[in-house]
PDB file of N, CA and C in Angstrom:
ATOM      1  N   MET A   1     107.160 168.643  83.265  1.00  0.00           N
ATOM      2  CA  MET A   1     106.109 167.874  83.421  1.00  0.00           C
ATOM      3  C   MET A   1     106.424 166.784  84.148  1.00  0.00           C
ATOM      4  N   LEU A   2     105.601 166.262  85.346  1.00  0.00           N
ATOM      5  CA  LEU A   2     105.762 165.172  85.848  1.00  0.00           C
ATOM      6  C   LEU A   2     104.751 164.271  85.865  1.00  0.00           C
ATOM      7  N   SER A   3     104.862 162.820  85.520  1.00  0.00           N
ATOM      8  CA  SER A   3     104.046 161.912  85.472  1.00  0.00           C
ATOM      9  C   SER A   3     103.946 160.759  86.678  1.00  0.00           C
ATOM     10  N   LEU A   4     103.138 160.405  87.065  1.00  0.00           N
ATOM     11  CA  LEU A   4     103.088 159.671  88.214  1.00  0.00           C
ATOM     12  C   LEU A   4     102.185 158.418  87.798  1.00  0.00           C
ATOM     13  N   PHE A   5     102.999 157.227  87.637  1.00  0.00           N
ATOM     14  CA  PHE A   5     102.257 155.842  87.676  1.00  0.00           C
ATOM     15  C   PHE A   5     102.011 155.052  88.572  1.00  0.00           C
ATOM     16  N   VAL A   6     100.947 154.570  89.133  1.00  0.00           N
ATOM     17  CA  VAL A   6     100.799 153.597  90.325  1.00  0.00           C
ATOM     18  C   VAL A   6     100.624 152.468  89.711  1.00  0.00           C
ATOM     19  N   LEU A   7     101.316 151.693  89.996  1.00  0.00           N
ATOM     20  CA  LEU A   7     101.226 150.200  89.771  1.00  0.00           C
ATOM     21  C   LEU A   7     100.828 149.266  90.889  1.00  0.00           C
ATOM     22  N   THR A   8      99.498 148.536  90.514  1.00  0.00           N
ATOM     23  CA  THR A   8      99.035 147.514  91.600  1.00  0.00           C
ATOM     24  C   THR A   8      99.159 146.177  91.298  1.00  0.00           C
ATOM     25  N   PRO A   9      99.381 145.381  92.214  1.00  0.00           N
ATOM     26  CA  PRO A   9      99.674 144.082  91.656  1.00  0.00           C
ATOM     27  C   PRO A   9      98.147 143.368  91.428  1.00  0.00           C
ATOM     28  N   SER A  10      98.124 142.350  90.608  1.00  0.00           N
ATOM     29  CA  SER A  10      97.233 141.841  90.227  1.00  0.00           C
ATOM     30  C   SER A  10      97.362 140.339  90.613  1.00  0.00           C
ATOM     31  N   THR A  11      96.051 139.317  90.747  1.00  0.00           N
ATOM     32  CA  THR A  11      96.129 138.109  91.006  1.00  0.00           C
ATOM     33  C   THR A  11      96.992 137.366  90.388  1.00  0.00           C
ATOM     34  N   ALA A  12      97.064 137.413  88.937  1.00  0.00           N
ATOM     35  CA  ALA A  12      97.791 136.750  88.192  1.00  0.00           C
ATOM     36  C   ALA A  12      98.370 137.542  87.222  1.00  0.00           C
ATOM     37  N   SER A  13      99.671 137.832  86.845  1.00  0.00           N
ATOM     38  CA  SER A  13     100.342 138.634  86.031  1.00  0.00           C
ATOM     39  C   SER A  13     100.011 137.880  84.658  1.00  0.00           C
ATOM     40  N   ALA A  14     100.299 138.635  83.776  1.00  0.00           N
ATOM     41  CA  ALA A  14     100.014 138.372  82.185  1.00  0.00           C
ATOM     42  C   ALA A  14     101.100 137.227  82.116  1.00  0.00           C
ATOM     43  N   SER A  15     102.049 137.021  82.743  1.00  0.00           N
ATOM     44  CA  SER A  15     102.955 136.045  82.397  1.00  0.00           C
ATOM     45  C   SER A  15     102.815 134.727  82.829  1.00  0.00           C
ATOM     46  N   THR A  16     101.994 134.675  84.040  1.00  0.00           N
ATOM     47  CA  THR A  16     101.603 133.387  84.668  1.00  0.00           C
ATOM     48  C   THR A  16     100.375 132.957  84.460  1.00  0.00           C
ATOM     49  N   ARG A  17      99.629 133.866  83.790  1.00  0.00           N
ATOM     50  CA  ARG A  17      98.165 133.224  83.389  1.00  0.00           C
ATOM     51  C   ARG A  17      98.179 132.229  81.979  1.00  0.00           C
ATOM     52  N   GLY A  18      97.747 131.108  82.315  1.00  0.00           N
ATOM     53  CA  GLY A  18      97.726 130.072  81.429  1.00  0.00           C
ATOM     54  C   GLY A  18      98.988 129.198  81.346  1.00  0.00           C
ATOM     55  N   ARG A  19      99.749 129.617  82.429  1.00  0.00           N
ATOM     56  CA  ARG A  19     100.921 128.779  82.752  1.00  0.00           C
ATOM     57  C   ARG A  19     100.722 127.256  83.291  1.00  0.00           C
ATOM     58  N   LYS A  20     101.124 126.178  82.406  1.00  0.00           N
ATOM     59  CA  LYS A  20     101.033 124.920  83.094  1.00  0.00           C
ATOM     60  C   LYS A  20     101.792 124.733  84.668  1.00  0.00           C
ATOM     61  N   GLN A  21     100.815 124.029  85.379  1.00  0.00           N
ATOM     62  CA  GLN A  21     101.550 123.461  86.758  1.00  0.00           C
ATOM     63  C   GLN A  21     102.724 122.786  86.380  1.00  0.00           C
ATOM     64  N   ARG A  22     103.561 122.956  87.706  1.00  0.00           N
ATOM     65  CA  ARG A  22     105.066 121.909  87.202  1.00  0.00           C
ATOM     66  C   ARG A  22     104.540 120.488  87.619  1.00  0.00           C
ATOM     67  N   PRO A  23     104.984 119.643  86.676  1.00  0.00           N
ATOM     68  CA  PRO A  23     104.630 118.122  86.684  1.00  0.00           C
ATOM     69  C   PRO A  23     105.044 117.742  87.981  1.00  0.00           C
ATOM     70  N   LEU A  24     104.191 116.732  88.486  1.00  0.00           N
ATOM     71  CA  LEU A  24     104.873 115.956  89.342  1.00  0.00           C
ATOM     72  C   LEU A  24     106.104 114.964  89.487  1.00  0.00           C
ATOM     73  N   THR A  25     107.034 114.975  90.268  1.00  0.00           N
ATOM     74  CA  THR A  25     108.010 114.220  90.282  1.00  0.00           C
ATOM     75  C   THR A  25     107.780 112.830  90.485  1.00  0.00           C
ATOM     76  N   ARG A  26     108.554 111.784  90.490  1.00  0.00           N
ATOM     77  CA  ARG A  26     108.269 110.608  90.450  1.00  0.00           C
ATOM     78  C   ARG A  26     108.309 110.246  92.060  1.00  0.00           C
ATOM     79  N   ALA A  27     108.995 111.204  92.767  1.00  0.00           N
ATOM     80  CA  ALA A  27     108.878 110.905  94.338  1.00  0.00           C
ATOM     81  C   ALA A  27     107.564 111.251  94.829  1.00  0.00           C
ATOM     82  N   GLU A  28     106.743 112.310  94.097  1.00  0.00           N
ATOM     83  CA  GLU A  28     105.525 112.764  94.506  1.00  0.00           C
ATOM     84  C   GLU A  28     104.577 111.754  94.000  1.00  0.00           C
ATOM     85  N   LEU A  29     104.953 111.263  92.678  1.00  0.00           N
ATOM     86  CA  LEU A  29     103.939 110.045  92.325  1.00  0.00           C
ATOM     87  C   LEU A  29     103.616 108.850  93.390  1.00  0.00           C
ATOM     88  N   LYS A  30     105.187 108.466  93.743  1.00  0.00           N
ATOM     89  CA  LYS A  30     105.067 107.361  94.815  1.00  0.00           C
ATOM     90  C   LYS A  30     104.132 107.813  96.172  1.00  0.00           C
ATOM     91  N   LYS A  31     104.364 109.281  96.464  1.00  0.00           N
ATOM     92  CA  LYS A  31     103.820 109.519  97.649  1.00  0.00           C
ATOM     93  C   LYS A  31     102.234 109.352  97.452  1.00  0.00           C
ATOM     94  N   ALA A  32     101.851 109.828  96.399  1.00  0.00           N
ATOM     95  CA  ALA A  32     100.386 110.089  96.156  1.00  0.00           C
ATOM     96  C   ALA A  32      99.878 108.335  96.028  1.00  0.00           C
ATOM     97  N   GLU A  33     100.729 107.549  95.361  1.00  0.00           N
ATOM     98  CA  GLU A  33     100.334 106.362  95.192  1.00  0.00           C
ATOM     99  C   GLU A  33     100.218 105.498  96.665  1.00  0.00           C
ATOM    100  N   ALA A  34     101.298 105.576  97.631  1.00  0.00           N
ATOM    101  CA  ALA A  34     101.376 105.220  98.745  1.00  0.00           C
ATOM    102  C   ALA A  34      99.984 105.706  99.932  1.00  0.00           C
ATOM    103  N   ARG A  35      99.703 107.085  99.563  1.00  0.00           N
ATOM    104  CA  ARG A  35      98.701 107.538 100.213  1.00  0.00           C
ATOM    105  C   ARG A  35      97.359 106.640  99.782  1.00  0.00           C
ATOM    106  N   LEU A  36      97.195 106.715  98.486  1.00  0.00           N
ATOM    107  CA  LEU A  36      95.908 105.982  97.903  1.00  0.00           C
ATOM    108  C   LEU A  36      95.876 104.550  98.505  1.00  0.00           C
ATOM    109  N   ALA A  37      97.086 103.936  98.595  1.00  0.00           N
ATOM    110  CA  ALA A  37      96.957 102.668  99.178  1.00  0.00           C
ATOM    111  C   ALA A  37      96.652 102.579 100.718  1.00  0.00           C
ATOM    112  N   GLU A  38      97.204 103.554 101.460  1.00  0.00           N
ATOM    113  CA  GLU A  38      97.127 103.772 102.815  1.00  0.00           C
ATOM    114  C   GLU A  38      95.640 103.780 103.170  1.00  0.00           C
ATOM    115  N   MET A  39      94.799 104.579 102.221  1.00  0.00           N
ATOM    116  CA  MET A  39      93.441 104.929 102.273  1.00  0.00           C
ATOM    117  C   MET A  39      92.497 103.716 101.943  1.00  0.00           C
ATOM    118  N   GLY A  40      93.111 102.787 101.318  1.00  0.00           N
ATOM    119  CA  GLY A  40      92.343 101.456 100.774  1.00  0.00           C
ATOM    120  C   GLY A  40      92.053 101.403  99.248  1.00  0.00           C
ATOM    121  N   TYR A  41      92.556 102.242  98.466  1.00  0.00           N
ATOM    122  CA  TYR A  41      91.996 102.217  97.150  1.00  0.00           C
ATOM    123  C   TYR A  41      92.563 101.376  96.260  1.00  0.00           C
ATOM    124  N   GLU A  42      93.919 100.905  96.620  1.00  0.00           N
ATOM    125  CA  GLU A  42      94.415  99.663  96.161  1.00  0.00           C
ATOM    126  C   GLU A  42      95.023 100.265  94.670  1.00  0.00           C
ATOM    127  N   PRO A  43      95.884 101.210  94.651  1.00  0.00           N
ATOM    128  CA  PRO A  43      96.719 101.487  93.603  1.00  0.00           C
ATOM    129  C   PRO A  43      97.648 100.467  92.766  1.00  0.00           C
ATOM    130  N   GLY A  44      97.812  99.361  93.230  1.00  0.00           N
ATOM    131  CA  GLY A  44      98.801  98.635  92.697  1.00  0.00           C
ATOM    132  C   GLY A  44     100.025  98.835  93.392  1.00  0.00           C
ATOM    133  N   ARG A  45     101.284  98.431  92.577  1.00  0.00           N
ATOM    134  CA  ARG A  45     102.389  98.731  93.303  1.00  0.00           C
ATOM    135  C   ARG A  45     102.914 100.005  93.407  1.00  0.00           C
ATOM    136  N   VAL A  46     103.343 100.408  94.487  1.00  0.00           N
ATOM    137  CA  VAL A  46     103.675 101.931  94.768  1.00  0.00           C
ATOM    138  C   VAL A  46     105.425 102.103  94.225  1.00  0.00           C
ATOM    139  N   ASP A  47     105.164 102.500  92.781  1.00  0.00           N
ATOM    140  CA  ASP A  47     106.462 102.672  92.309  1.00  0.00           C
ATOM    141  C   ASP A  47     106.655 103.785  91.692  1.00  0.00           C
ATOM    142  N   GLY A  48     105.748 104.928  91.865  1.00  0.00           N
ATOM    143  CA  GLY A  48     105.971 106.108  90.859  1.00  0.00           C
ATOM    144  C   GLY A  48     105.583 106.054  89.353  1.00  0.00           C
ATOM    145  N   VAL A  49     105.128 104.765  89.100  1.00  0.00           N
ATOM    146  CA  VAL A  49     104.507 104.981  87.530  1.00  0.00           C
ATOM    147  C   VAL A  49     103.193 104.572  87.574  1.00  0.00           C
ATOM    148  N   ILE A  50     102.424 105.734  86.800  1.00  0.00           N
ATOM    149  CA  ILE A  50     101.155 105.600  86.733  1.00  0.00           C
ATOM    150  C   ILE A  50     100.681 104.546  85.713  1.00  0.00           C
ATOM    151  N   ASN A  51     100.008 103.472  86.215  1.00  0.00           N
ATOM    152  CA  ASN A  51      99.445 102.389  85.552  1.00  0.00           C
ATOM    153  C   ASN A  51      97.881 102.158  85.450  1.00  0.00           C
ATOM    154  N   ASP A  52      97.631 101.229  84.768  1.00  0.00           N
ATOM    155  CA  ASP A  52      95.995 101.046  84.963  1.00  0.00           C
ATOM    156  C   ASP A  52      95.526 100.950  86.468  1.00  0.00           C
ATOM    157  N   ASP A  53      95.915 100.201  87.296  1.00  0.00           N
ATOM    158  CA  ASP A  53      95.847 100.253  88.632  1.00  0.00           C
ATOM    159  C   ASP A  53      95.578 101.499  89.278  1.00  0.00           C
ATOM    160  N   THR A  54      96.713 102.337  89.163  1.00  0.00           N
ATOM    161  CA  THR A  54      96.744 103.472  89.678  1.00  0.00           C
ATOM    162  C   THR A  54      95.692 104.436  88.976  1.00  0.00           C
ATOM    163  N   ARG A  55      95.464 104.290  87.835  1.00  0.00           N
ATOM    164  CA  ARG A  55      94.199 104.991  87.307  1.00  0.00           C
ATOM    165  C   ARG A  55      92.857 104.505  87.847  1.00  0.00           C
ATOM    166  N   LYS A  56      92.569 103.488  88.040  1.00  0.00           N
ATOM    167  CA  LYS A  56      91.565 102.973  88.709  1.00  0.00           C
ATOM    168  C   LYS A  56      91.247 103.480  90.036  1.00  0.00           C
ATOM    169  N   ALA A  57      92.316 103.448  91.014  1.00  0.00           N
ATOM    170  CA  ALA A  57      92.324 103.830  92.087  1.00  0.00           C
ATOM    171  C   ALA A  57      92.170 105.639  92.308  1.00  0.00           C
ATOM    172  N   LEU A  58      92.688 106.025  91.508  1.00  0.00           N
ATOM    173  CA  LEU A  58      92.481 107.724  91.366  1.00  0.00           C
ATOM    174  C   LEU A  58      91.073 107.821  90.923  1.00  0.00           C
ATOM    175  N   ILE A  59      90.374 107.110  89.633  1.00  0.00           N
ATOM    176  CA  ILE A  59      89.185 107.325  89.513  1.00  0.00           C
ATOM    177  C   ILE A  59      88.226 106.933  90.747  1.00  0.00           C
ATOM    178  N   VAL A  60      88.448 106.157  91.193  1.00  0.00           N
ATOM    179  CA  VAL A  60      87.224 105.943  92.568  1.00  0.00           C
ATOM    180  C   VAL A  60      87.719 106.763  93.634  1.00  0.00           C
ATOM    181  N   PHE A  61      88.829 107.288  93.816  1.00  0.00           N
ATOM    182  CA  PHE A  61      89.096 108.433  94.598  1.00  0.00           C
ATOM    183  C   PHE A  61      88.575 109.683  94.212  1.00  0.00           C
ATOM    184  N   GLN A  62      88.400 109.844  92.787  1.00  0.00           N
ATOM    185  CA  GLN A  62      87.696 111.014  92.588  1.00  0.00           C
ATOM    186  C   GLN A  62      86.081 111.138  92.645  1.00  0.00           C
ATOM    187  N   LYS A  63      85.796 109.781  92.317  1.00  0.00           N
ATOM    188  CA  LYS A  63      84.123 109.712  92.640  1.00  0.00           C
ATOM    189  C   LYS A  63      83.897 109.816  94.171  1.00  0.00           C
ATOM    190  N   TRP A  64      84.782 109.166  94.859  1.00  0.00           N
ATOM    191  CA  TRP A  64      84.109 109.289  96.235  1.00  0.00           C
ATOM    192  C   TRP A  64      84.347 110.413  96.993  1.00  0.00           C
ATOM    193  N   GLU A  65      85.521 111.530  96.353  1.00  0.00           N
ATOM    194  CA  GLU A  65      85.508 112.893  96.950  1.00  0.00           C
ATOM    195  C   GLU A  65      84.700 113.546  96.129  1.00  0.00           C
ATOM    196  N   ASP A  66      83.689 113.120  95.239  1.00  0.00           N
ATOM    197  CA  ASP A  66      82.981 113.971  94.086  1.00  0.00           C
ATOM    198  C   ASP A  66      83.742 114.922  93.662  1.00  0.00           C
ATOM    199  N   ARG A  67      85.103 114.697  93.084  1.00  0.00           N
ATOM    200  CA  ARG A  67      85.785 115.681  92.059  1.00  0.00           C
ATOM    201  C   ARG A  67      85.431 115.161  90.645  1.00  0.00           C
ATOM    202  N   LYS A  68      85.885 115.933  89.975  1.00  0.00           N
ATOM    203  CA  LYS A  68      85.966 115.671  88.380  1.00  0.00           C
ATOM    204  C   LYS A  68      86.614 114.381  88.228  1.00  0.00           C
ATOM    205  N   ILE A  69      85.926 113.415  87.367  1.00  0.00           N
ATOM    206  CA  ILE A  69      86.600 112.134  87.253  1.00  0.00           C
ATOM    207  C   ILE A  69      87.324 112.315  85.996  1.00  0.00           C
ATOM    208  N   THR A  70      88.586 112.237  86.039  1.00  0.00           N
ATOM    209  CA  THR A  70      89.680 112.282  85.005  1.00  0.00           C
ATOM    210  C   THR A  70      90.502 111.243  84.791  1.00  0.00           C
ATOM    211  N   GLY A  71      90.639 110.656  85.825  1.00  0.00           N
ATOM    212  CA  GLY A  71      91.853 109.358  85.960  1.00  0.00           C
ATOM    213  C   GLY A  71      93.271 110.012  85.766  1.00  0.00           C
ATOM    214  N   GLN A  72      93.354 111.279  85.772  1.00  0.00           N
ATOM    215  CA  GLN A  72      94.718 111.872  85.664  1.00  0.00           C
ATOM    216  C   GLN A  72      95.138 112.271  87.052  1.00  0.00           C
ATOM    217  N   LEU A  73      96.227 112.301  87.246  1.00  0.00           N
ATOM    218  CA  LEU A  73      97.287 112.490  88.511  1.00  0.00           C
ATOM    219  C   LEU A  73      98.056 113.834  88.144  1.00  0.00           C
ATOM    220  N   ASN A  74      97.299 115.136  88.490  1.00  0.00           N
ATOM    221  CA  ASN A  74      98.005 116.222  88.496  1.00  0.00           C
ATOM    222  C   ASN A  74      98.260 116.806  89.726  1.00  0.00           C
ATOM    223  N   ARG A  75      98.843 118.145  89.665  1.00  0.00           N
ATOM    224  CA  ARG A  75      99.193 118.643  91.157  1.00  0.00           C
ATOM    225  C   ARG A  75      98.006 118.908  91.764  1.00  0.00           C
ATOM    226  N   SER A  76      96.681 119.376  91.250  1.00  0.00           N
ATOM    227  CA  SER A  76      95.584 119.400  92.229  1.00  0.00           C
ATOM    228  C   SER A  76      95.198 118.142  92.583  1.00  0.00           C
ATOM    229  N   GLU A  77      95.162 117.259  91.921  1.00  0.00           N
ATOM    230  CA  GLU A  77      94.687 115.828  92.656  1.00  0.00           C
ATOM    231  C   GLU A  77      95.832 115.342  93.394  1.00  0.00           C
ATOM    232  N   PHE A  78      96.833 115.593  93.424  1.00  0.00           N
ATOM    233  CA  PHE A  78      97.878 115.301  94.517  1.00  0.00           C
ATOM    234  C   PHE A  78      97.409 115.664  95.748  1.00  0.00           C
ATOM    235  N   GLU A  79      97.552 117.375  95.505  1.00  0.00           N
ATOM    236  CA  GLU A  79      97.191 117.888  96.993  1.00  0.00           C
ATOM    237  C   GLU A  79      96.006 117.457  97.372  1.00  0.00           C
ATOM    238  N   ALA A  80      94.725 116.982  96.845  1.00  0.00           N
ATOM    239  CA  ALA A  80      93.516 116.575  97.379  1.00  0.00           C
ATOM    240  C   ALA A  80      93.818 115.126  97.929  1.00  0.00           C
ATOM    241  N   ILE A  81      94.707 114.180  97.321  1.00  0.00           N
ATOM    242  CA  ILE A  81      94.948 112.836  97.851  1.00  0.00           C
ATOM    243  C   ILE A  81      95.698 113.044  99.156  1.00  0.00           C
ATOM    244  N   MET A  82      96.588 114.095  99.383  1.00  0.00           N
ATOM    245  CA  MET A  82      97.629 114.246 100.400  1.00  0.00           C
ATOM    246  C   MET A  82      96.805 114.610 101.559  1.00  0.00           C
ATOM    247  N   SER A  83      95.589 115.258 101.404  1.00  0.00           N
ATOM    248  CA  SER A  83      94.938 115.952 102.681  1.00  0.00           C
ATOM    249  C   SER A  83      93.467 115.319 102.675  1.00  0.00           C
ATOM    250  N   ALA A  84      93.310 114.232 101.992  1.00  0.00           N
ATOM    251  CA  ALA A  84      91.983 113.292 102.115  1.00  0.00           C
ATOM    252  C   ALA A  84      92.216 112.528 103.305  1.00  0.00           C
ATOM    253  N   ASP A  85      91.032 112.101 103.943  1.00  0.00           N
ATOM    254  CA  ASP A  85      90.632 111.233 104.841  1.00  0.00           C
ATOM    255  C   ASP A  85      90.254 109.911 104.127  1.00  0.00           C
ATOM    256  N   ALA A  86      90.524 108.753 104.633  1.00  0.00           N
ATOM    257  CA  ALA A  86      90.184 107.514 103.961  1.00  0.00           C
ATOM    258  C   ALA A  86      88.657 107.475 104.182  1.00  0.00           C
ATOM    259  N   PRO A  87      88.310 106.833 103.058  1.00  0.00           N
ATOM    260  CA  PRO A  87      86.520 106.583 103.061  1.00  0.00           C
ATOM    261  C   PRO A  87      86.129 105.837 104.219  1.00  0.00           C
ATOM    262  N   ARG A  88      84.994 106.218 104.749  1.00  0.00           N
ATOM    263  CA  ARG A  88      84.264 105.148 105.664  1.00  0.00           C
ATOM    264  C   ARG A  88      82.768 105.078 105.215  1.00  0.00           C
ATOM    265  N   ALA A  89      82.662 103.669 105.706  1.00  0.00           N
ATOM    266  CA  ALA A  89      81.146 103.316 105.300  1.00  0.00           C
ATOM    267  C   ALA A  89      80.287 104.298 105.807  1.00  0.00           C
ATOM    268  N   ARG A  90      79.038 104.454 105.228  1.00  0.00           N
ATOM    269  CA  ARG A  90      78.157 105.512 105.647  1.00  0.00           C
ATOM    270  C   ARG A  90      77.161 104.761 106.566  1.00  0.00           C
ATOM    271  N   ASP A  91      77.177 103.400 106.656  1.00  0.00           N
ATOM    272  CA  ASP A  91      76.148 102.938 107.462  1.00  0.00           C
ATOM    273  C   ASP A  91      77.080 102.063 108.351  1.00  0.00           C
ATOM    274  N   SER A  92      76.495 101.985 109.621  1.00  0.00           N
ATOM    275  CA  SER A  92      77.454 101.531 110.673  1.00  0.00           C
ATOM    276  C   SER A  92      77.280  99.582 110.380  1.00  0.00           C
ATOM    277  N   GLY A  93      78.231  99.252 110.991  1.00  0.00           N
ATOM    278  CA  GLY A  93      78.486  97.804 110.903  1.00  0.00           C
ATOM    279  C   GLY A  93      79.124  96.952 109.434  1.00  0.00           C
ATOM    280  N   TYR A  94      79.572  97.931 108.769  1.00  0.00           N
ATOM    281  CA  TYR A  94      80.462  97.642 107.673  1.00  0.00           C
ATOM    282  C   TYR A  94      81.989  98.117 107.778  1.00  0.00           C
ATOM    283  N   ARG A  95      82.797  97.118 107.218  1.00  0.00           N
ATOM    284  CA  ARG A  95      84.235  97.834 107.216  1.00  0.00           C
ATOM    285  C   ARG A  95      84.974  98.373 106.102  1.00  0.00           C
ATOM    286  N   HIS A  96      83.840  98.337 105.065  1.00  0.00           N
ATOM    287  CA  HIS A  96      84.186  99.086 103.639  1.00  0.00           C
ATOM    288  C   HIS A  96      83.263 100.081 103.287  1.00  0.00           C
ATOM    289  N   ALA A  97      83.729 100.506 102.242  1.00  0.00           N
ATOM    290  CA  ALA A  97      83.049 101.454 101.467  1.00  0.00           C
ATOM    291  C   ALA A  97      82.816 101.286 100.218  1.00  0.00           C
ATOM    292  N   GLU A  98      81.842 101.204  99.726  1.00  0.00           N
ATOM    293  CA  GLU A  98      81.572 100.729  98.006  1.00  0.00           C
ATOM    294  C   GLU A  98      81.153 102.145  97.423  1.00  0.00           C
ATOM    295  N   VAL A  99      81.915 101.999  96.038  1.00  0.00           N
ATOM    296  CA  VAL A  99      81.637 103.366  95.323  1.00  0.00           C
ATOM    297  C   VAL A  99      81.314 102.686  94.037  1.00  0.00           C
ATOM    298  N   ASP A 100      80.321 103.234  93.189  1.00  0.00           N
ATOM    299  CA  ASP A 100      79.825 102.813  91.957  1.00  0.00           C
ATOM    300  C   ASP A 100      80.181 103.552  90.751  1.00  0.00           C
TER     301      ASP A 100
END
């Protein structure tokens, strides 16, 4: 008797479901801080250390980009920061954008 099994790839294997994302490196943290500073979010010192200033800048970024407000810098937020454009005032005549 001959049996034939057909295996099809799935979008996520059982071994990768629920797996945590790789944490950001210090170099990536510095890149994110530098990008936040470049866009005007004022994350404080660009040193790869997440402090209160970095968290505040991240929260403002998350509000402006209409993202879930967590204040946490994970891989998803890193990618969003790296691909974001600097905020622009919605009304002409202003050089800044305000986020409540």
